[in-house]
Protein backbone atom coordinates (compact mmCIF):
# COMPACT_ATOMS: atom_id res chain seq x y z
CA MET A 1 11.88 5.66 2.13
CA SER A 2 10.85 4.31 -0.93
CA ASP A 3 12.82 2.48 -3.07
CA PHE A 4 10.64 1.98 -5.86
CA SER A 5 10.72 3.19 -9.44
CA CYS A 6 7.32 4.26 -11.60
CA LYS A 7 7.46 3.00 -15.00
CA ASN A 8 4.12 3.46 -17.15
CA GLY A 9 2.07 3.53 -14.18
CA HIS A 10 3.75 0.53 -12.61
CA LEU A 11 6.19 0.42 -9.50
CA SER A 12 9.25 -2.10 -9.60
CA GLY A 13 11.31 -2.29 -7.40
CA THR A 14 12.53 -4.51 -4.08
CA GLU A 15 10.69 -7.78 -3.39
CA GLY A 16 10.05 -7.40 -0.18
CA ALA A 17 9.43 -3.53 0.79
CA LYS A 18 6.58 -2.44 3.16
CA ASN A 19 5.88 0.55 1.22
CA VAL A 20 2.82 -1.41 -0.88
CA VAL A 21 0.27 -1.31 1.55
CA GLY A 22 -2.49 0.61 0.78
CA HIS A 23 -1.90 -0.15 -3.23
CA TYR A 24 -3.63 -1.63 -5.69
CA ALA A 25 -2.60 -4.60 -7.90
CA VAL A 26 -3.16 -6.84 -10.88
CA SER A 27 -3.00 -10.51 -10.48
CA LEU A 28 -0.35 -11.80 -13.20
CA ALA A 29 -0.31 -15.55 -12.57
CA GLY A 30 -2.61 -18.20 -11.49
CA HIS A 31 -6.31 -19.12 -12.32
CA ASP A 32 -6.90 -15.04 -10.71
CA SER A 33 -5.13 -13.21 -13.36
CA GLY A 34 -5.93 -10.00 -14.64
CA LYS A 35 -7.97 -9.36 -11.23
CA ILE A 36 -7.54 -6.58 -8.95
CA TYR A 37 -6.85 -6.49 -4.99
CA PHE A 38 -5.58 -4.58 -2.50
CA VAL A 39 -2.66 -5.30 -0.72
CA VAL A 40 -3.59 -5.34 2.83
CA GLY A 41 0.03 -6.47 4.46
CA THR A 42 3.26 -8.31 3.59
CA CYS A 43 4.09 -12.02 5.18
CA GLY A 44 6.53 -11.07 8.29
CA GLU A 45 6.84 -14.71 8.85
CA ALA A 46 10.71 -16.20 7.64
CA LYS A 47 8.63 -19.34 5.90
CA LYS A 48 6.66 -16.67 3.84
CA GLU A 49 9.18 -13.90 3.71
CA GLY A 50 8.06 -11.71 0.30
CA LEU A 51 4.75 -12.54 0.26
CA LEU A 52 2.31 -9.68 -0.33
CA LEU A 53 -1.23 -9.96 1.23
CA LEU A 54 -4.06 -9.29 -1.37
CA CYS A 55 -8.32 -8.78 -0.76
CA ASP A 56 -10.74 -8.29 -2.74
CA GLY A 57 -13.46 -7.35 0.00
CA LYS A 58 -15.22 -10.68 -2.07
CA SER A 59 -14.28 -14.18 -2.64
CA ARG A 60 -11.00 -12.75 -0.75
CA PRO A 61 -12.29 -11.06 2.38
CA LEU A 62 -10.35 -9.39 5.28
CA GLY A 63 -10.43 -11.52 7.30
CA LYS A 64 -8.33 -14.37 4.96
CA PRO A 65 -6.42 -11.96 2.47
CA LYS A 66 -4.41 -14.24 -0.65
CA ALA A 67 -1.17 -14.50 0.48
CA LYS A 68 0.49 -14.63 -3.39
CA LYS A 69 4.48 -14.49 -4.52
CA ARG A 70 5.71 -10.38 -5.41
CA ARG A 71 6.68 -11.54 -8.24
CA HIS A 72 3.16 -12.40 -10.25
CA VAL A 73 2.01 -9.78 -9.00
CA GLN A 74 1.88 -6.38 -10.66
CA ILE A 75 1.64 -3.29 -7.74
CA LEU A 76 -0.09 -0.30 -9.17
CA ARG A 77 1.53 3.01 -8.76
CA GLU A 78 -2.63 4.22 -7.53
CA ARG A 79 -2.40 4.14 -4.22
CA ASP A 80 -5.34 4.39 -1.79
CA ASP A 81 -4.04 6.17 1.94
CA GLU A 82 -7.92 6.62 3.28
CA LEU A 83 -8.35 2.84 3.27
CA ALA A 84 -5.23 2.29 4.09
CA LEU A 85 -5.29 4.02 6.79
CA LEU A 86 -8.74 2.72 7.92
CA LEU A 87 -7.34 -0.62 8.41
CA THR A 88 -4.09 0.08 9.76
CA SER A 89 -6.22 1.62 12.71
CA GLY A 90 -8.52 -1.45 12.79
CA ARG A 91 -11.34 1.30 13.12
CA GLY A 92 -14.57 1.66 9.82
CA ALA A 93 -12.68 -0.96 7.59
CA ASP A 94 -14.65 -3.56 6.15
CA ASP A 95 -15.15 -5.83 2.91
CA SER A 96 -18.01 -3.37 2.23
CA VAL A 97 -15.91 -0.57 2.25
CA LEU A 98 -13.00 -2.57 -0.02
CA ILE A 99 -15.49 -3.80 -2.60
CA ARG A 100 -16.70 0.03 -2.89
CA LYS A 101 -13.07 1.27 -3.41
CA LEU A 102 -12.69 -1.55 -5.96
CA ARG A 103 -15.38 -1.03 -8.27
CA GLU A 104 -14.35 3.13 -8.68
CA PHE A 105 -11.02 2.29 -8.98
CA GLY A 106 -12.25 0.47 -11.68
CA LYS A 107 -14.67 2.43 -13.12
CA SER A 108 -11.72 4.93 -13.00
CA ARG A 109 -9.13 3.08 -14.67
CA CYS A 110 -11.51 1.14 -17.92
CA CYS A 111 -12.94 4.51 -18.79
CA ASP A 112 -9.50 6.53 -19.03
């Protein structure tokens, strides 16, 4: 069950929620602020609880996701179920697919 609420196209809710995998996210803090990522997972380790694993395919490929605190990321309402399914099943998803999906998402966002 999701305990996220949608407000102005953004999701807000509990920090440790696992259902953010598959959503697009925008970095709010750090040198990469404003950059769009794809949420590929969450950190389950006790020391790193609440961190999201983010990839963009270029500087952060699927093999080396960026771990970022939930409060430093704005999770967007838009979700790519097809890409999330490819990532969780382990077949057919690679960095080129991720780059293409992020490019399409960025174009659809800027031209609305």
